[in-house]
Amino acid sequence: MKKKELYSARFSRSNRTFFFDIKETVSGIVYLQISESKLVDDQFEHQRLSVFAESLDNFIDELAKAKYALRKISEQQHSEKKRKTQKR
């Protein structure tokens, strides 16, 4: 018996496509599988991450923290580049 797909969503940016699939194992365990597919040298590379239901809240909390940190760091870098450009 194979894994059962319960939900699927995706979005694409540039040469990458991200998939968010909720699956159920043959033993009935439900999990989220996040996959990335990207085109590299005329071939697709795939990366996958599985998050099980009992870890999902912690995963999302840490992901939200990482999102905040990434935006903050990105804004700081953008401000620094802008300041350096204005000094010229």
N, C-alpha and C. Protein backbone atom coordinates (compact mmCIF):
# COMPACT_ATOMS: atom_id res chain seq x y z
N MET A 1 0.85 -1.19 0.00
CA MET A 1 0.00 0.00 0.00
C MET A 1 0.88 1.25 0.00
N LYS A 2 0.53 2.27 -0.75
CA LYS A 2 1.36 3.46 -0.81
C LYS A 2 0.80 4.59 0.04
N LYS A 3 1.60 5.63 0.19
CA LYS A 3 1.20 6.80 0.97
C LYS A 3 0.00 7.47 0.34
N LYS A 4 -0.87 7.98 1.18
CA LYS A 4 -2.08 8.65 0.71
C LYS A 4 -1.88 10.16 0.82
N GLU A 5 -2.16 10.88 -0.28
CA GLU A 5 -2.04 12.34 -0.27
C GLU A 5 -3.39 12.93 0.10
N LEU A 6 -3.41 13.77 1.17
CA LEU A 6 -4.65 14.34 1.68
C LEU A 6 -4.86 15.78 1.26
N TYR A 7 -3.77 16.47 0.95
CA TYR A 7 -3.82 17.89 0.60
C TYR A 7 -2.58 18.22 -0.20
N SER A 8 -2.69 19.15 -1.14
CA SER A 8 -1.53 19.56 -1.91
C SER A 8 -1.69 21.01 -2.36
N ALA A 9 -0.61 21.78 -2.23
CA ALA A 9 -0.58 23.17 -2.72
C ALA A 9 0.84 23.42 -3.22
N ARG A 10 0.97 24.41 -4.10
CA ARG A 10 2.30 24.73 -4.62
C ARG A 10 2.37 26.17 -5.05
N PHE A 11 3.61 26.67 -5.15
CA PHE A 11 3.85 27.96 -5.77
C PHE A 11 5.22 27.94 -6.41
N SER A 12 5.38 28.78 -7.43
CA SER A 12 6.64 28.82 -8.18
C SER A 12 7.23 30.22 -8.14
N ARG A 13 8.54 30.27 -8.08
CA ARG A 13 9.31 31.51 -8.18
C ARG A 13 10.56 31.19 -8.97
N SER A 14 10.79 31.97 -10.01
CA SER A 14 11.97 31.80 -10.84
C SER A 14 12.04 30.36 -11.34
N ASN A 15 13.14 29.67 -11.06
CA ASN A 15 13.28 28.30 -11.54
C ASN A 15 12.97 27.27 -10.45
N ARG A 16 12.28 27.69 -9.39
CA ARG A 16 11.97 26.80 -8.27
C ARG A 16 10.45 26.66 -8.10
N THR A 17 10.04 25.47 -7.73
CA THR A 17 8.65 25.23 -7.36
C THR A 17 8.64 24.57 -5.99
N PHE A 18 7.78 25.07 -5.12
CA PHE A 18 7.64 24.54 -3.77
C PHE A 18 6.29 23.85 -3.66
N PHE A 19 6.29 22.67 -3.04
CA PHE A 19 5.08 21.89 -2.84
C PHE A 19 4.85 21.69 -1.35
N PHE A 20 3.61 21.81 -0.93
CA PHE A 20 3.21 21.57 0.45
C PHE A 20 2.15 20.48 0.42
N ASP A 21 2.55 19.29 0.82
CA ASP A 21 1.66 18.13 0.74
C ASP A 21 1.43 17.54 2.12
N ILE A 22 0.18 17.28 2.44
CA ILE A 22 -0.14 16.54 3.65
C ILE A 22 -0.40 15.11 3.21
N LYS A 23 0.34 14.20 3.83
CA LYS A 23 0.26 12.79 3.45
C LYS A 23 -0.03 11.93 4.67
N GLU A 24 -0.45 10.73 4.38
CA GLU A 24 -0.71 9.76 5.44
C GLU A 24 0.07 8.49 5.11
N THR A 25 0.83 8.00 6.09
CA THR A 25 1.59 6.77 5.88
C THR A 25 0.63 5.57 5.89
N VAL A 26 1.15 4.43 5.50
CA VAL A 26 0.33 3.22 5.48
C VAL A 26 -0.16 2.85 6.88
N SER A 27 0.57 3.31 7.91
CA SER A 27 0.15 3.03 9.29
C SER A 27 -0.75 4.12 9.87
N GLY A 28 -1.15 5.11 9.03
CA GLY A 28 -2.10 6.13 9.46
C GLY A 28 -1.50 7.38 10.06
N ILE A 29 -0.20 7.55 10.01
CA ILE A 29 0.46 8.73 10.57
C ILE A 29 0.41 9.85 9.52
N VAL A 30 -0.08 11.02 9.94
CA VAL A 30 -0.23 12.16 9.04
C VAL A 30 0.97 13.10 9.21
N TYR A 31 1.47 13.61 8.10
CA TYR A 31 2.62 14.51 8.15
C TYR A 31 2.58 15.49 6.98
N LEU A 32 3.32 16.58 7.15
CA LEU A 32 3.48 17.59 6.11
C LEU A 32 4.81 17.33 5.41
N GLN A 33 4.77 17.28 4.09
CA GLN A 33 6.00 17.16 3.32
C GLN A 33 6.17 18.43 2.48
N ILE A 34 7.27 19.14 2.72
CA ILE A 34 7.60 20.33 1.95
C ILE A 34 8.69 19.93 0.97
N SER A 35 8.44 20.19 -0.30
CA SER A 35 9.39 19.80 -1.34
C SER A 35 9.76 21.01 -2.18
N GLU A 36 10.99 21.01 -2.63
CA GLU A 36 11.47 22.02 -3.56
C GLU A 36 11.96 21.29 -4.80
N SER A 37 11.56 21.79 -5.93
CA SER A 37 12.03 21.25 -7.20
C SER A 37 12.62 22.41 -7.98
N LYS A 38 13.85 22.25 -8.43
CA LYS A 38 14.47 23.34 -9.20
C LYS A 38 15.22 22.78 -10.39
N LEU A 39 15.24 23.58 -11.42
CA LEU A 39 15.91 23.21 -12.66
C LEU A 39 17.37 23.61 -12.57
N VAL A 40 18.25 22.61 -12.72
CA VAL A 40 19.69 22.84 -12.69
C VAL A 40 20.30 22.07 -13.85
N ASP A 41 20.91 22.79 -14.76
CA ASP A 41 21.56 22.16 -15.92
C ASP A 41 20.62 21.20 -16.66
N ASP A 42 19.43 21.67 -16.96
CA ASP A 42 18.43 20.90 -17.70
C ASP A 42 17.93 19.65 -16.99
N GLN A 43 18.15 19.57 -15.68
CA GLN A 43 17.62 18.47 -14.88
C GLN A 43 16.98 19.04 -13.63
N PHE A 44 15.98 18.34 -13.10
CA PHE A 44 15.32 18.79 -11.89
C PHE A 44 15.98 18.17 -10.67
N GLU A 45 16.28 19.01 -9.69
CA GLU A 45 16.77 18.55 -8.39
C GLU A 45 15.63 18.67 -7.40
N HIS A 46 15.52 17.71 -6.50
CA HIS A 46 14.44 17.70 -5.53
C HIS A 46 15.01 17.64 -4.12
N GLN A 47 14.43 18.44 -3.24
CA GLN A 47 14.75 18.43 -1.82
C GLN A 47 13.44 18.25 -1.07
N ARG A 48 13.45 17.45 -0.01
CA ARG A 48 12.21 17.22 0.74
C ARG A 48 12.46 17.32 2.24
N LEU A 49 11.45 17.80 2.92
CA LEU A 49 11.47 17.91 4.38
C LEU A 49 10.13 17.41 4.88
N SER A 50 10.14 16.50 5.84
CA SER A 50 8.90 15.99 6.42
C SER A 50 8.76 16.48 7.85
N VAL A 51 7.58 16.97 8.19
CA VAL A 51 7.28 17.45 9.54
C VAL A 51 6.04 16.71 10.01
N PHE A 52 6.17 15.99 11.11
CA PHE A 52 5.05 15.22 11.63
C PHE A 52 4.18 16.08 12.54
N ALA A 53 2.94 15.70 12.67
CA ALA A 53 1.93 16.51 13.37
C ALA A 53 2.38 16.95 14.75
N GLU A 54 3.02 16.06 15.51
CA GLU A 54 3.42 16.41 16.88
C GLU A 54 4.51 17.47 16.93
N SER A 55 5.20 17.71 15.83
CA SER A 55 6.26 18.72 15.79
C SER A 55 5.85 19.97 15.03
N LEU A 56 4.68 19.98 14.45
CA LEU A 56 4.29 21.07 13.55
C LEU A 56 4.24 22.43 14.24
N ASP A 57 3.65 22.52 15.42
CA ASP A 57 3.57 23.81 16.11
C ASP A 57 4.95 24.39 16.39
N ASN A 58 5.87 23.55 16.89
CA ASN A 58 7.23 24.01 17.15
C ASN A 58 7.94 24.41 15.85
N PHE A 59 7.72 23.64 14.80
CA PHE A 59 8.32 23.94 13.50
C PHE A 59 7.84 25.30 13.00
N ILE A 60 6.54 25.54 13.08
CA ILE A 60 5.98 26.81 12.60
C ILE A 60 6.47 27.97 13.46
N ASP A 61 6.58 27.78 14.78
CA ASP A 61 7.10 28.83 15.65
C ASP A 61 8.52 29.21 15.26
N GLU A 62 9.37 28.22 15.06
CA GLU A 62 10.76 28.49 14.69
C GLU A 62 10.86 29.07 13.28
N LEU A 63 10.00 28.62 12.39
CA LEU A 63 9.97 29.18 11.04
C LEU A 63 9.57 30.66 11.07
N ALA A 64 8.60 31.00 11.91
CA ALA A 64 8.19 32.41 12.05
C ALA A 64 9.34 33.26 12.60
N LYS A 65 10.09 32.72 13.54
CA LYS A 65 11.25 33.45 14.08
C LYS A 65 12.31 33.65 13.00
N ALA A 66 12.55 32.61 12.22
CA ALA A 66 13.53 32.70 11.14
C ALA A 66 13.06 33.71 10.08
N LYS A 67 11.78 33.72 9.79
CA LYS A 67 11.22 34.68 8.83
C LYS A 67 11.46 36.11 9.31
N TYR A 68 11.19 36.37 10.58
CA TYR A 68 11.39 37.70 11.16
C TYR A 68 12.87 38.08 11.08
N ALA A 69 13.76 37.15 11.46
CA ALA A 69 15.20 37.42 11.44
C ALA A 69 15.69 37.69 10.02
N LEU A 70 15.21 36.91 9.07
CA LEU A 70 15.61 37.09 7.68
C LEU A 70 15.20 38.47 7.16
N ARG A 71 13.97 38.87 7.46
CA ARG A 71 13.52 40.19 7.01
C ARG A 71 14.32 41.31 7.66
N LYS A 72 14.59 41.17 8.95
CA LYS A 72 15.35 42.19 9.67
C LYS A 72 16.77 42.32 9.11
N ILE A 73 17.42 41.18 8.90
CA ILE A 73 18.78 41.19 8.36
C ILE A 73 18.78 41.75 6.94
N SER A 74 17.81 41.37 6.15
CA SER A 74 17.71 41.85 4.77
C SER A 74 17.51 43.37 4.74
N GLU A 75 16.65 43.88 5.61
CA GLU A 75 16.42 45.32 5.68
C GLU A 75 17.68 46.06 6.11
N GLN A 76 18.43 45.47 7.07
CA GLN A 76 19.67 46.11 7.53
C GLN A 76 20.69 46.16 6.38
N GLN A 77 20.82 45.06 5.65
CA GLN A 77 21.76 45.03 4.54
C GLN A 77 21.36 46.03 3.46
N HIS A 78 20.07 46.11 3.18
CA HIS A 78 19.58 47.06 2.18
C HIS A 78 19.89 48.49 2.62
N SER A 79 19.67 48.79 3.89
CA SER A 79 19.96 50.14 4.41
C SER A 79 21.44 50.46 4.33
N GLU A 80 22.30 49.48 4.65
CA GLU A 80 23.74 49.70 4.58
C GLU A 80 24.19 49.95 3.15
N LYS A 81 23.68 49.19 2.21
CA LYS A 81 24.05 49.38 0.80
C LYS A 81 23.59 50.74 0.31
N LYS A 82 22.40 51.15 0.72
CA LYS A 82 21.85 52.45 0.33
C LYS A 82 22.73 53.57 0.89
N ARG A 83 23.14 53.44 2.15
CA ARG A 83 24.00 54.44 2.78
C ARG A 83 25.34 54.55 2.07
N LYS A 84 25.93 53.41 1.71
CA LYS A 84 27.23 53.41 1.01
C LYS A 84 27.09 54.05 -0.37
N THR A 85 25.99 53.80 -1.05
CA THR A 85 25.77 54.36 -2.38
C THR A 85 25.59 55.88 -2.29
N GLN A 86 24.92 56.36 -1.25
CA GLN A 86 24.70 57.79 -1.09
C GLN A 86 25.98 58.54 -0.76
N LYS A 87 26.96 57.88 -0.12
CA LYS A 87 28.22 58.51 0.26
C LYS A 87 29.11 58.78 -0.95
N ARG A 88 28.90 58.08 -2.02
CA ARG A 88 29.77 58.22 -3.21
C ARG A 88 29.56 59.50 -3.90
